[in-house]
PDB file of N, CA and C in Angstrom:
ATOM      1  N   MET A   1       0.841  -1.180   0.000  1.00  0.00           N
ATOM      2  CA  MET A   1       0.000   0.000   0.000  1.00  0.00           C
ATOM      3  C   MET A   1       0.884   1.240   0.000  1.00  0.00           C
ATOM      4  N   GLN A   2       0.512   2.211  -0.795  1.00  0.00           N
ATOM      5  CA  GLN A   2       1.294   3.436  -0.916  1.00  0.00           C
ATOM      6  C   GLN A   2       0.955   4.380   0.232  1.00  0.00           C
ATOM      7  N   SER A   3       1.966   5.043   0.783  1.00  0.00           N
ATOM      8  CA  SER A   3       1.726   5.985   1.877  1.00  0.00           C
ATOM      9  C   SER A   3       1.158   7.289   1.313  1.00  0.00           C
ATOM     10  N   PRO A   4       0.393   8.017   2.141  1.00  0.00           N
ATOM     11  CA  PRO A   4      -0.202   9.275   1.682  1.00  0.00           C
ATOM     12  C   PRO A   4       0.850  10.304   1.307  1.00  0.00           C
ATOM     13  N   SER A   5       0.519  11.165   0.362  1.00  0.00           N
ATOM     14  CA  SER A   5       1.420  12.242  -0.055  1.00  0.00           C
ATOM     15  C   SER A   5       1.352  13.378   0.949  1.00  0.00           C
ATOM     16  N   ILE A   6       2.507  13.948   1.260  1.00  0.00           N
ATOM     17  CA  ILE A   6       2.554  15.108   2.154  1.00  0.00           C
ATOM     18  C   ILE A   6       2.309  16.342   1.298  1.00  0.00           C
ATOM     19  N   ILE A   7       1.336  17.129   1.699  1.00  0.00           N
ATOM     20  CA  ILE A   7       0.898  18.284   0.917  1.00  0.00           C
ATOM     21  C   ILE A   7       1.519  19.552   1.492  1.00  0.00           C
ATOM     22  N   PRO A   8       2.111  20.422   0.640  1.00  0.00           N
ATOM     23  CA  PRO A   8       2.652  21.699   1.119  1.00  0.00           C
ATOM     24  C   PRO A   8       1.520  22.619   1.595  1.00  0.00           C
ATOM     25  N   ALA A   9       1.827  23.484   2.534  1.00  0.00           N
ATOM     26  CA  ALA A   9       0.825  24.367   3.136  1.00  0.00           C
ATOM     27  C   ALA A   9       0.093  25.209   2.092  1.00  0.00           C
ATOM     28  N   ALA A  10       0.764  25.615   1.035  1.00  0.00           N
ATOM     29  CA  ALA A  10       0.141  26.462   0.016  1.00  0.00           C
ATOM     30  C   ALA A  10      -0.970  25.734  -0.739  1.00  0.00           C
ATOM     31  N   LEU A  11      -0.943  24.412  -0.769  1.00  0.00           N
ATOM     32  CA  LEU A  11      -1.943  23.642  -1.517  1.00  0.00           C
ATOM     33  C   LEU A  11      -3.025  23.005  -0.631  1.00  0.00           C
ATOM     34  N   CYS A  12      -2.885  23.132   0.674  1.00  0.00           N
ATOM     35  CA  CYS A  12      -3.816  22.462   1.594  1.00  0.00           C
ATOM     36  C   CYS A  12      -5.269  22.851   1.343  1.00  0.00           C
ATOM     37  N   ARG A  13      -5.538  24.143   1.141  1.00  0.00           N
ATOM     38  CA  ARG A  13      -6.913  24.604   0.958  1.00  0.00           C
ATOM     39  C   ARG A  13      -7.539  23.980  -0.288  1.00  0.00           C
ATOM     40  N   SER A  14      -6.832  23.948  -1.394  1.00  0.00           N
ATOM     41  CA  SER A  14      -7.406  23.384  -2.618  1.00  0.00           C
ATOM     42  C   SER A  14      -7.573  21.864  -2.511  1.00  0.00           C
ATOM     43  N   VAL A  15      -6.639  21.181  -1.844  1.00  0.00           N
ATOM     44  CA  VAL A  15      -6.775  19.732  -1.644  1.00  0.00           C
ATOM     45  C   VAL A  15      -7.952  19.445  -0.722  1.00  0.00           C
ATOM     46  N   LEU A  16      -8.114  20.253   0.303  1.00  0.00           N
ATOM     47  CA  LEU A  16      -9.230  20.089   1.227  1.00  0.00           C
ATOM     48  C   LEU A  16     -10.566  20.276   0.495  1.00  0.00           C
ATOM     49  N   THR A  17     -10.627  21.238  -0.394  1.00  0.00           N
ATOM     50  CA  THR A  17     -11.832  21.454  -1.203  1.00  0.00           C
ATOM     51  C   THR A  17     -12.120  20.219  -2.061  1.00  0.00           C
ATOM     52  N   SER A  18     -11.091  19.639  -2.649  1.00  0.00           N
ATOM     53  CA  SER A  18     -11.267  18.430  -3.461  1.00  0.00           C
ATOM     54  C   SER A  18     -11.707  17.241  -2.609  1.00  0.00           C
ATOM     55  N   LEU A  19     -11.142  17.124  -1.419  1.00  0.00           N
ATOM     56  CA  LEU A  19     -11.528  16.026  -0.533  1.00  0.00           C
ATOM     57  C   LEU A  19     -13.003  16.108  -0.141  1.00  0.00           C
ATOM     58  N   HIS A  20     -13.476  17.325  -0.009  1.00  0.00           N
ATOM     59  CA  HIS A  20     -14.835  17.530   0.492  1.00  0.00           C
ATOM     60  C   HIS A  20     -15.825  17.882  -0.629  1.00  0.00           C
ATOM     61  N   ASP A  21     -15.466  17.671  -1.879  1.00  0.00           N
ATOM     62  CA  ASP A  21     -16.348  18.071  -2.973  1.00  0.00           C
ATOM     63  C   ASP A  21     -17.664  17.291  -3.021  1.00  0.00           C
ATOM     64  N   SER A  22     -17.720  16.117  -2.402  1.00  0.00           N
ATOM     65  CA  SER A  22     -18.967  15.344  -2.382  1.00  0.00           C
ATOM     66  C   SER A  22     -19.831  15.667  -1.161  1.00  0.00           C
ATOM     67  N   HIS A  23     -19.381  16.585  -0.312  1.00  0.00           N
ATOM     68  CA  HIS A  23     -20.122  17.061   0.863  1.00  0.00           C
ATOM     69  C   HIS A  23     -20.490  15.930   1.821  1.00  0.00           C
ATOM     70  N   ARG A  24     -19.558  15.011   2.027  1.00  0.00           N
ATOM     71  CA  ARG A  24     -19.790  13.919   2.963  1.00  0.00           C
ATOM     72  C   ARG A  24     -19.514  14.398   4.380  1.00  0.00           C
ATOM     73  N   ASP A  25     -19.820  13.574   5.353  1.00  0.00           N
ATOM     74  CA  ASP A  25     -19.633  13.970   6.747  1.00  0.00           C
ATOM     75  C   ASP A  25     -18.153  13.949   7.141  1.00  0.00           C
ATOM     76  N   ILE A  26     -17.877  14.309   8.375  1.00  0.00           N
ATOM     77  CA  ILE A  26     -16.500  14.435   8.859  1.00  0.00           C
ATOM     78  C   ILE A  26     -15.748  13.112   8.745  1.00  0.00           C
ATOM     79  N   GLU A  27     -16.337  12.031   9.232  1.00  0.00           N
ATOM     80  CA  GLU A  27     -15.643  10.739   9.225  1.00  0.00           C
ATOM     81  C   GLU A  27     -15.360  10.246   7.805  1.00  0.00           C
ATOM     82  N   ALA A  28     -16.308  10.415   6.901  1.00  0.00           N
ATOM     83  CA  ALA A  28     -16.100   9.976   5.514  1.00  0.00           C
ATOM     84  C   ALA A  28     -14.996  10.797   4.848  1.00  0.00           C
ATOM     85  N   THR A  29     -14.958  12.082   5.124  1.00  0.00           N
ATOM     86  CA  THR A  29     -13.920  12.938   4.548  1.00  0.00           C
ATOM     87  C   THR A  29     -12.553  12.575   5.127  1.00  0.00           C
ATOM     88  N   LYS A  30     -12.490  12.262   6.426  1.00  0.00           N
ATOM     89  CA  LYS A  30     -11.215  11.844   7.032  1.00  0.00           C
ATOM     90  C   LYS A  30     -10.744  10.521   6.434  1.00  0.00           C
ATOM     91  N   ARG A  31     -11.660   9.578   6.213  1.00  0.00           N
ATOM     92  CA  ARG A  31     -11.270   8.295   5.601  1.00  0.00           C
ATOM     93  C   ARG A  31     -10.706   8.516   4.202  1.00  0.00           C
ATOM     94  N   ARG A  32     -11.350   9.385   3.445  1.00  0.00           N
ATOM     95  CA  ARG A  32     -10.885   9.679   2.085  1.00  0.00           C
ATOM     96  C   ARG A  32      -9.490  10.305   2.123  1.00  0.00           C
ATOM     97  N   ALA A  33      -9.264  11.205   3.073  1.00  0.00           N
ATOM     98  CA  ALA A  33      -7.966  11.877   3.191  1.00  0.00           C
ATOM     99  C   ALA A  33      -6.871  10.894   3.592  1.00  0.00           C
ATOM    100  N   ARG A  34      -7.170   9.987   4.524  1.00  0.00           N
ATOM    101  CA  ARG A  34      -6.153   9.034   4.994  1.00  0.00           C
ATOM    102  C   ARG A  34      -5.612   8.170   3.866  1.00  0.00           C
ATOM    103  N   GLN A  35      -6.411   7.943   2.860  1.00  0.00           N
ATOM    104  CA  GLN A  35      -5.988   7.096   1.747  1.00  0.00           C
ATOM    105  C   GLN A  35      -5.009   7.795   0.815  1.00  0.00           C
ATOM    106  N   THR A  36      -5.025   9.132   0.802  1.00  0.00           N
ATOM    107  CA  THR A  36      -4.254   9.819  -0.233  1.00  0.00           C
ATOM    108  C   THR A  36      -3.307  10.912   0.236  1.00  0.00           C
ATOM    109  N   VAL A  37      -3.691  11.700   1.236  1.00  0.00           N
ATOM    110  CA  VAL A  37      -2.896  12.891   1.582  1.00  0.00           C
ATOM    111  C   VAL A  37      -2.718  13.048   3.091  1.00  0.00           C
ATOM    112  N   TRP A  38      -1.745  13.919   3.437  1.00  0.00           N
ATOM    113  CA  TRP A  38      -1.529  14.261   4.847  1.00  0.00           C
ATOM    114  C   TRP A  38      -0.817  15.598   4.928  1.00  0.00           C
ATOM    115  N   TRP A  39      -1.137  16.357   5.955  1.00  0.00           N
ATOM    116  CA  TRP A  39      -0.386  17.544   6.349  1.00  0.00           C
ATOM    117  C   TRP A  39      -0.655  17.788   7.824  1.00  0.00           C
ATOM    118  N   PRO A  40       0.207  18.506   8.500  1.00  0.00           N
ATOM    119  CA  PRO A  40       0.007  18.763   9.930  1.00  0.00           C
ATOM    120  C   PRO A  40      -1.312  19.505  10.155  1.00  0.00           C
ATOM    121  N   GLY A  41      -2.151  18.986  11.032  1.00  0.00           N
ATOM    122  CA  GLY A  41      -3.426  19.624  11.349  1.00  0.00           C
ATOM    123  C   GLY A  41      -4.555  19.265  10.399  1.00  0.00           C
ATOM    124  N   ILE A  42      -4.382  18.231   9.585  1.00  0.00           N
ATOM    125  CA  ILE A  42      -5.405  17.872   8.597  1.00  0.00           C
ATOM    126  C   ILE A  42      -6.738  17.524   9.257  1.00  0.00           C
ATOM    127  N   THR A  43      -6.689  16.845  10.404  1.00  0.00           N
ATOM    128  CA  THR A  43      -7.942  16.447  11.060  1.00  0.00           C
ATOM    129  C   THR A  43      -8.771  17.657  11.467  1.00  0.00           C
ATOM    130  N   SER A  44      -8.151  18.635  12.098  1.00  0.00           N
ATOM    131  CA  SER A  44      -8.901  19.832  12.512  1.00  0.00           C
ATOM    132  C   SER A  44      -9.347  20.645  11.300  1.00  0.00           C
ATOM    133  N   ASP A  45      -8.552  20.661  10.230  1.00  0.00           N
ATOM    134  CA  ASP A  45      -8.958  21.362   9.009  1.00  0.00           C
ATOM    135  C   ASP A  45     -10.200  20.712   8.401  1.00  0.00           C
ATOM    136  N   ILE A  46     -10.248  19.383   8.414  1.00  0.00           N
ATOM    137  CA  ILE A  46     -11.413  18.672   7.879  1.00  0.00           C
ATOM    138  C   ILE A  46     -12.648  18.971   8.725  1.00  0.00           C
ATOM    139  N   VAL A  47     -12.496  18.894  10.043  1.00  0.00           N
ATOM    140  CA  VAL A  47     -13.628  19.166  10.946  1.00  0.00           C
ATOM    141  C   VAL A  47     -14.163  20.572  10.707  1.00  0.00           C
ATOM    142  N   ASN A  48     -13.272  21.564  10.655  1.00  0.00           N
ATOM    143  CA  ASN A  48     -13.697  22.953  10.455  1.00  0.00           C
ATOM    144  C   ASN A  48     -14.373  23.141   9.102  1.00  0.00           C
ATOM    145  N   THR A  49     -13.841  22.512   8.061  1.00  0.00           N
ATOM    146  CA  THR A  49     -14.404  22.657   6.717  1.00  0.00           C
ATOM    147  C   THR A  49     -15.798  22.061   6.647  1.00  0.00           C
ATOM    148  N   VAL A  50     -15.971  20.851   7.162  1.00  0.00           N
ATOM    149  CA  VAL A  50     -17.278  20.188   7.094  1.00  0.00           C
ATOM    150  C   VAL A  50     -18.303  20.938   7.940  1.00  0.00           C
ATOM    151  N   GLU A  51     -17.910  21.371   9.125  1.00  0.00           N
ATOM    152  CA  GLU A  51     -18.852  22.101   9.984  1.00  0.00           C
ATOM    153  C   GLU A  51     -19.251  23.447   9.392  1.00  0.00           C
ATOM    154  N   ALA A  52     -18.387  24.056   8.586  1.00  0.00           N
ATOM    155  CA  ALA A  52     -18.689  25.354   7.975  1.00  0.00           C
ATOM    156  C   ALA A  52     -19.445  25.206   6.649  1.00  0.00           C
ATOM    157  N   CYS A  53     -19.580  23.994   6.147  1.00  0.00           N
ATOM    158  CA  CYS A  53     -20.205  23.760   4.842  1.00  0.00           C
ATOM    159  C   CYS A  53     -21.723  23.612   4.993  1.00  0.00           C
ATOM    160  N   ASP A  54     -22.473  24.563   4.446  1.00  0.00           N
ATOM    161  CA  ASP A  54     -23.934  24.519   4.540  1.00  0.00           C
ATOM    162  C   ASP A  54     -24.512  23.279   3.855  1.00  0.00           C
ATOM    163  N   ALA A  55     -23.977  22.916   2.700  1.00  0.00           N
ATOM    164  CA  ALA A  55     -24.485  21.742   1.980  1.00  0.00           C
ATOM    165  C   ALA A  55     -24.284  20.473   2.808  1.00  0.00           C
ATOM    166  N   SER A  56     -23.146  20.343   3.459  1.00  0.00           N
ATOM    167  CA  SER A  56     -22.887  19.160   4.284  1.00  0.00           C
ATOM    168  C   SER A  56     -23.835  19.092   5.469  1.00  0.00           C
ATOM    169  N   GLN A  57     -24.081  20.219   6.080  1.00  0.00           N
ATOM    170  CA  GLN A  57     -24.985  20.239   7.234  1.00  0.00           C
ATOM    171  C   GLN A  57     -26.409  19.897   6.819  1.00  0.00           C
ATOM    172  N   THR A  58     -26.809  20.303   5.624  1.00  0.00           N
ATOM    173  CA  THR A  58     -28.139  19.984   5.115  1.00  0.00           C
ATOM    174  C   THR A  58     -28.276  18.497   4.842  1.00  0.00           C
ATOM    175  N   LEU A  59     -27.204  17.860   4.387  1.00  0.00           N
ATOM    176  CA  LEU A  59     -27.242  16.440   4.042  1.00  0.00           C
ATOM    177  C   LEU A  59     -27.099  15.513   5.245  1.00  0.00           C
ATOM    178  N   GLN A  60     -26.765  16.056   6.413  1.00  0.00           N
ATOM    179  CA  GLN A  60     -26.608  15.219   7.605  1.00  0.00           C
ATOM    180  C   GLN A  60     -27.953  14.620   7.999  1.00  0.00           C
ATOM    181  N   PRO A  61     -27.953  13.416   8.593  1.00  0.00           N
ATOM    182  CA  PRO A  61     -29.216  12.833   9.045  1.00  0.00           C
ATOM    183  C   PRO A  61     -29.886  13.752  10.068  1.00  0.00           C
ATOM    184  N   SER A  62     -31.174  13.984   9.891  1.00  0.00           N
ATOM    185  CA  SER A  62     -31.882  14.889  10.786  1.00  0.00           C
ATOM    186  C   SER A  62     -32.424  14.169  12.012  1.00  0.00           C
ATOM    187  N   GLN A  63     -32.471  12.863  11.976  1.00  0.00           N
ATOM    188  CA  GLN A  63     -33.021  12.102  13.080  1.00  0.00           C
ATOM    189  C   GLN A  63     -31.878  11.463  13.872  1.00  0.00           C
ATOM    190  N   VAL A  64     -31.826  11.748  15.147  1.00  0.00           N
ATOM    191  CA  VAL A  64     -30.817  11.115  15.981  1.00  0.00           C
ATOM    192  C   VAL A  64     -31.325   9.743  16.400  1.00  0.00           C
ATOM    193  N   LYS A  65     -30.402   8.837  16.668  1.00  0.00           N
ATOM    194  CA  LYS A  65     -30.805   7.503  17.097  1.00  0.00           C
ATOM    195  C   LYS A  65     -31.455   7.573  18.463  1.00  0.00           C
ATOM    196  N   GLU A  66     -32.569   6.903  18.574  1.00  0.00           N
ATOM    197  CA  GLU A  66     -33.284   6.871  19.833  1.00  0.00           C
ATOM    198  C   GLU A  66     -32.736   5.741  20.693  1.00  0.00           C
ATOM    199  N   PRO A  67     -32.657   5.947  22.007  1.00  0.00           N
ATOM    200  CA  PRO A  67     -32.131   4.874  22.849  1.00  0.00           C
ATOM    201  C   PRO A  67     -33.067   3.663  22.836  1.00  0.00           C
ATOM    202  N   LEU A  68     -32.477   2.483  22.945  1.00  0.00           N
ATOM    203  CA  LEU A  68     -33.249   1.257  22.982  1.00  0.00           C
ATOM    204  C   LEU A  68     -34.068   1.208  24.261  1.00  0.00           C
ATOM    205  N   MET A  69     -35.358   0.962  24.112  1.00  0.00           N
ATOM    206  CA  MET A  69     -36.237   0.889  25.273  1.00  0.00           C
ATOM    207  C   MET A  69     -36.708  -0.547  25.440  1.00  0.00           C
ATOM    208  N   CYS A  70     -36.654  -1.041  26.638  1.00  0.00           N
ATOM    209  CA  CYS A  70     -37.100  -2.398  26.929  1.00  0.00           C
ATOM    210  C   CYS A  70     -38.486  -2.344  27.565  1.00  0.00           C
ATOM    211  N   ASP A  71     -39.332  -3.301  27.190  1.00  0.00           N
ATOM    212  CA  ASP A  71     -40.646  -3.405  27.815  1.00  0.00           C
ATOM    213  C   ASP A  71     -40.476  -3.873  29.252  1.00  0.00           C
ATOM    214  N   PRO A  72     -41.370  -3.418  30.143  1.00  0.00           N
ATOM    215  CA  PRO A  72     -41.287  -3.906  31.524  1.00  0.00           C
ATOM    216  C   PRO A  72     -41.584  -5.405  31.549  1.00  0.00           C
ATOM    217  N   PRO A  73     -41.029  -6.131  32.507  1.00  0.00           N
ATOM    218  CA  PRO A  73     -41.278  -7.576  32.576  1.00  0.00           C
ATOM    219  C   PRO A  73     -42.767  -7.851  32.817  1.00  0.00           C
ATOM    220  N   LEU A  74     -43.269  -8.900  32.169  1.00  0.00           N
ATOM    221  CA  LEU A  74     -44.678  -9.269  32.303  1.00  0.00           C
ATOM    222  C   LEU A  74     -44.850 -10.189  33.508  1.00  0.00           C
ATOM    223  N   SER A  75     -45.999 -10.086  34.168  1.00  0.00           N
ATOM    224  CA  SER A  75     -46.217 -10.876  35.374  1.00  0.00           C
ATOM    225  C   SER A  75     -47.305 -11.935  35.217  1.00  0.00           C
ATOM    226  N   ARG A  76     -48.166 -11.819  34.182  1.00  0.00           N
ATOM    227  CA  ARG A  76     -49.232 -12.802  34.012  1.00  0.00           C
ATOM    228  C   ARG A  76     -49.549 -12.981  32.529  1.00  0.00           C
ATOM    229  N   PRO A  77     -50.099 -14.145  32.159  1.00  0.00           N
ATOM    230  CA  PRO A  77     -50.440 -14.392  30.749  1.00  0.00           C
ATOM    231  C   PRO A  77     -51.481 -13.405  30.231  1.00  0.00           C
ATOM    232  N   PHE A  78     -51.375 -13.090  28.973  1.00  0.00           N
ATOM    233  CA  PHE A  78     -52.275 -12.187  28.247  1.00  0.00           C
ATOM    234  C   PHE A  78     -52.338 -10.788  28.857  1.00  0.00           C
ATOM    235  N   GLU A  79     -51.309 -10.425  29.615  1.00  0.00           N
ATOM    236  CA  GLU A  79     -51.182  -9.049  30.105  1.00  0.00           C
ATOM    237  C   GLU A  79     -50.822  -8.132  28.929  1.00  0.00           C
ATOM    238  N   ASP A  80     -50.057  -8.686  27.979  1.00  0.00           N
ATOM    239  CA  ASP A  80     -49.653  -7.949  26.783  1.00  0.00           C
ATOM    240  C   ASP A  80     -49.748  -8.914  25.604  1.00  0.00           C
ATOM    241  N   VAL A  81     -50.413  -8.482  24.535  1.00  0.00           N
ATOM    242  CA  VAL A  81     -50.595  -9.357  23.374  1.00  0.00           C
ATOM    243  C   VAL A  81     -50.178  -8.633  22.099  1.00  0.00           C
ATOM    244  N   SER A  82     -49.864  -9.419  21.084  1.00  0.00           N
ATOM    245  CA  SER A  82     -49.626  -8.904  19.737  1.00  0.00           C
ATOM    246  C   SER A  82     -50.747  -9.428  18.863  1.00  0.00           C
ATOM    247  N   ALA A  83     -51.182  -8.635  17.881  1.00  0.00           N
ATOM    248  CA  ALA A  83     -52.292  -9.054  17.030  1.00  0.00           C
ATOM    249  C   ALA A  83     -52.036  -8.669  15.587  1.00  0.00           C
ATOM    250  N   ASP A  84     -52.641  -9.440  14.679  1.00  0.00           N
ATOM    251  CA  ASP A  84     -52.525  -9.154  13.252  1.00  0.00           C
ATOM    252  C   ASP A  84     -53.735  -9.725  12.534  1.00  0.00           C
ATOM    253  N   LEU A  85     -54.221  -8.988  11.552  1.00  0.00           N
ATOM    254  CA  LEU A  85     -55.297  -9.467  10.683  1.00  0.00           C
ATOM    255  C   LEU A  85     -54.658 -10.065   9.448  1.00  0.00           C
ATOM    256  N   PHE A  86     -55.216 -11.184   8.972  1.00  0.00           N
ATOM    257  CA  PHE A  86     -54.700 -11.771   7.743  1.00  0.00           C
ATOM    258  C   PHE A  86     -55.822 -12.460   6.994  1.00  0.00           C
ATOM    259  N   SER A  87     -55.564 -12.726   5.726  1.00  0.00           N
ATOM    260  CA  SER A  87     -56.539 -13.376   4.868  1.00  0.00           C
ATOM    261  C   SER A  87     -55.928 -14.670   4.342  1.00  0.00           C
ATOM    262  N   HIS A  88     -56.750 -15.746   4.378  1.00  0.00           N
ATOM    263  CA  HIS A  88     -56.299 -17.044   3.862  1.00  0.00           C
ATOM    264  C   HIS A  88     -57.492 -17.712   3.184  1.00  0.00           C
ATOM    265  N   VAL A  89     -57.332 -18.028   1.927  1.00  0.00           N
ATOM    266  CA  VAL A  89     -58.366 -18.660   1.111  1.00  0.00           C
ATOM    267  C   VAL A  89     -59.659 -17.845   1.159  1.00  0.00           C
ATOM    268  N   GLY A  90     -59.539 -16.544   1.083  1.00  0.00           N
ATOM    269  CA  GLY A  90     -60.702 -15.658   1.051  1.00  0.00           C
ATOM    270  C   GLY A  90     -61.372 -15.421   2.388  1.00  0.00           C
ATOM    271  N   GLU A  91     -60.865 -16.023   3.453  1.00  0.00           N
ATOM    272  CA  GLU A  91     -61.441 -15.836   4.790  1.00  0.00           C
ATOM    273  C   GLU A  91     -60.548 -14.909   5.608  1.00  0.00           C
ATOM    274  N   GLU A  92     -61.157 -13.942   6.248  1.00  0.00           N
ATOM    275  CA  GLU A  92     -60.420 -13.020   7.112  1.00  0.00           C
ATOM    276  C   GLU A  92     -60.272 -13.640   8.498  1.00  0.00           C
ATOM    277  N   SER A  93     -59.096 -13.473   9.106  1.00  0.00           N
ATOM    278  CA  SER A  93     -58.849 -14.036  10.435  1.00  0.00           C
ATOM    279  C   SER A  93     -58.072 -13.043  11.275  1.00  0.00           C
ATOM    280  N   LEU A  94     -58.177 -13.210  12.563  1.00  0.00           N
ATOM    281  CA  LEU A  94     -57.422 -12.405  13.517  1.00  0.00           C
ATOM    282  C   LEU A  94     -56.519 -13.356  14.296  1.00  0.00           C
ATOM    283  N   LEU A  95     -55.226 -13.072  14.282  1.00  0.00           N
ATOM    284  CA  LEU A  95     -54.264 -13.838  15.065  1.00  0.00           C
ATOM    285  C   LEU A  95     -53.801 -12.940  16.202  1.00  0.00           C
ATOM    286  N   TYR A  96     -53.894 -13.433  17.422  1.00  0.00           N
ATOM    287  CA  TYR A  96     -53.243 -12.708  18.509  1.00  0.00           C
ATOM    288  C   TYR A  96     -52.521 -13.696  19.388  1.00  0.00           C
ATOM    289  N   ALA A  97     -51.435 -13.211  19.978  1.00  0.00           N
ATOM    290  CA  ALA A  97     -50.558 -14.091  20.746  1.00  0.00           C
ATOM    291  C   ALA A  97     -50.162 -13.414  22.045  1.00  0.00           C
ATOM    292  N   ASP A  98     -50.082 -14.237  23.078  1.00  0.00           N
ATOM    293  CA  ASP A  98     -49.609 -13.788  24.380  1.00  0.00           C
ATOM    294  C   ASP A  98     -48.115 -13.513  24.290  1.00  0.00           C
ATOM    295  N   ARG A  99     -47.677 -12.353  24.729  1.00  0.00           N
ATOM    296  CA  ARG A  99     -46.261 -12.009  24.624  1.00  0.00           C
ATOM    297  C   ARG A  99     -45.430 -12.694  25.698  1.00  0.00           C
ATOM    298  N   LEU A 100     -46.046 -13.138  26.786  1.00  0.00           N
ATOM    299  CA  LEU A 100     -45.301 -13.813  27.843  1.00  0.00           C
ATOM    300  C   LEU A 100     -44.976 -15.253  27.445  1.00  0.00           C
ATOM    301  N   SER A 101     -45.988 -15.992  26.993  1.00  0.00           N
ATOM    302  CA  SER A 101     -45.785 -17.408  26.676  1.00  0.00           C
ATOM    303  C   SER A 101     -45.628 -17.686  25.186  1.00  0.00           C
ATOM    304  N   GLY A 102     -46.070 -16.745  24.341  1.00  0.00           N
ATOM    305  CA  GLY A 102     -46.053 -16.975  22.900  1.00  0.00           C
ATOM    306  C   GLY A 102     -47.262 -17.770  22.426  1.00  0.00           C
ATOM    307  N   TRP A 103     -48.204 -18.058  23.301  1.00  0.00           N
ATOM    308  CA  TRP A 103     -49.389 -18.837  22.959  1.00  0.00           C
ATOM    309  C   TRP A 103     -50.235 -18.077  21.936  1.00  0.00           C
ATOM    310  N   PRO A 104     -50.476 -18.692  20.759  1.00  0.00           N
ATOM    311  CA  PRO A 104     -51.257 -17.998  19.732  1.00  0.00           C
ATOM    312  C   PRO A 104     -52.746 -18.375  19.786  1.00  0.00           C
ATOM    313  N   HIS A 105     -53.574 -17.496  19.281  1.00  0.00           N
ATOM    314  CA  HIS A 105     -54.991 -17.782  19.109  1.00  0.00           C
ATOM    315  C   HIS A 105     -55.418 -17.202  17.760  1.00  0.00           C
ATOM    316  N   VAL A 106     -56.129 -18.005  16.961  1.00  0.00           N
ATOM    317  CA  VAL A 106     -56.633 -17.550  15.669  1.00  0.00           C
ATOM    318  C   VAL A 106     -58.140 -17.560  15.729  1.00  0.00           C
ATOM    319  N   GLY A 107     -58.751 -16.420  15.408  1.00  0.00           N
ATOM    320  CA  GLY A 107     -60.210 -16.316  15.348  1.00  0.00           C
ATOM    321  C   GLY A 107     -60.633 -16.087  13.913  1.00  0.00           C
ATOM    322  N   GLN A 108     -61.575 -16.889  13.414  1.00  0.00           N
ATOM    323  CA  GLN A 108     -62.071 -16.749  12.047  1.00  0.00           C
ATOM    324  C   GLN A 108     -63.100 -15.623  12.018  1.00  0.00           C
ATOM    325  N   LYS A 109     -62.924 -14.680  11.105  1.00  0.00           N
ATOM    326  CA  LYS A 109     -63.859 -13.569  10.968  1.00  0.00           C
ATOM    327  C   LYS A 109     -64.799 -13.772   9.788  1.00  0.00           C
ATOM    328  N   GLY A 110     -64.511 -14.766   8.954  1.00  0.00           N
ATOM    329  CA  GLY A 110     -65.313 -14.938   7.742  1.00  0.00           C
ATOM    330  C   GLY A 110     -65.017 -13.807   6.778  1.00  0.00           C
ATOM    331  N   ARG A 111     -66.030 -13.268   6.194  1.00  0.00           N
ATOM    332  CA  ARG A 111     -65.851 -12.158   5.247  1.00  0.00           C
ATOM    333  C   ARG A 111     -66.115 -10.799   5.893  1.00  0.00           C
ATOM    334  N   ASP A 112     -66.501 -10.794   7.152  1.00  0.00           N
ATOM    335  CA  ASP A 112     -66.826  -9.564   7.872  1.00  0.00           C
ATOM    336  C   ASP A 112     -65.582  -9.081   8.613  1.00  0.00           C
ATOM    337  N   ALA A 113     -64.856  -8.138   8.027  1.00  0.00           N
ATOM    338  CA  ALA A 113     -63.596  -7.664   8.607  1.00  0.00           C
ATOM    339  C   ALA A 113     -63.766  -6.299   9.266  1.00  0.00           C
ATOM    340  N   THR A 114     -64.731  -6.201  10.182  1.00  0.00           N
ATOM    341  CA  THR A 114     -64.956  -4.927  10.866  1.00  0.00           C
ATOM    342  C   THR A 114     -64.306  -4.952  12.246  1.00  0.00           C
ATOM    343  N   SER A 115     -64.185  -3.787  12.848  1.00  0.00           N
ATOM    344  CA  SER A 115     -63.615  -3.721  14.189  1.00  0.00           C
ATOM    345  C   SER A 115     -64.525  -4.417  15.199  1.00  0.00           C
ATOM    346  N   ARG A 116     -65.831  -4.353  15.000  1.00  0.00           N
ATOM    347  CA  ARG A 116     -66.771  -5.006  15.919  1.00  0.00           C
ATOM    348  C   ARG A 116     -66.527  -6.523  15.967  1.00  0.00           C
ATOM    349  N   THR A 117     -66.361  -7.158  14.797  1.00  0.00           N
ATOM    350  CA  THR A 117     -66.120  -8.609  14.800  1.00  0.00           C
ATOM    351  C   THR A 117     -64.730  -8.931  15.358  1.00  0.00           C
ATOM    352  N   SER A 118     -63.759  -8.065  15.158  1.00  0.00           N
ATOM    353  CA  SER A 118     -62.425  -8.293  15.724  1.00  0.00           C
ATOM    354  C   SER A 118     -62.463  -8.257  17.249  1.00  0.00           C
ATOM    355  N   ILE A 119     -63.201  -7.342  17.811  1.00  0.00           N
ATOM    356  CA  ILE A 119     -63.311  -7.241  19.274  1.00  0.00           C
ATOM    357  C   ILE A 119     -64.015  -8.467  19.826  1.00  0.00           C
ATOM    358  N   LYS A 120     -65.046  -8.943  19.149  1.00  0.00           N
ATOM    359  CA  LYS A 120     -65.758 -10.140  19.608  1.00  0.00           C
ATOM    360  C   LYS A 120     -64.851 -11.369  19.572  1.00  0.00           C
ATOM    361  N   LEU A 121     -63.989 -11.485  18.565  1.00  0.00           N
ATOM    362  CA  LEU A 121     -63.089 -12.625  18.469  1.00  0.00           C
ATOM    363  C   LEU A 121     -62.049 -12.633  19.574  1.00  0.00           C
ATOM    364  N   ARG A 122     -61.685 -11.470  20.041  1.00  0.00           N
ATOM    365  CA  ARG A 122     -60.640 -11.341  21.054  1.00  0.00           C
ATOM    366  C   ARG A 122     -61.122 -11.854  22.400  1.00  0.00           C
ATOM    367  N   ARG A 123     -62.402 -11.851  22.644  1.00  0.00           N
ATOM    368  CA  ARG A 123     -62.933 -12.226  23.961  1.00  0.00           C
ATOM    369  C   ARG A 123     -63.013 -13.698  24.157  1.00  0.00           C
TER     370      ARG A 123
END
């Protein structure tokens, strides 16, 4: 593997512009730079350039990752259930399952797929 080229101070600005021409984020621009060029302070120059670039800031993900949330432990069967409506051979059905034991129940709705018949099947 070839080592990165050392860039003279007079050319750093134009090389930095070329590195960041695709308006990628800080880490992507640093990875691109590590493959080809180096000069003293390149990391801080990349950070400053990307943070000052309006196009890059617009392209950044707008949604931050939400922390993983765990459901509270269940204490009794059918305290929490999952449900889904599905169709098989032209018949509508409701499947619901206990989240504690995984025990499933399928209720046939026939052709009447209303909320009223779904509630009756659940009981």
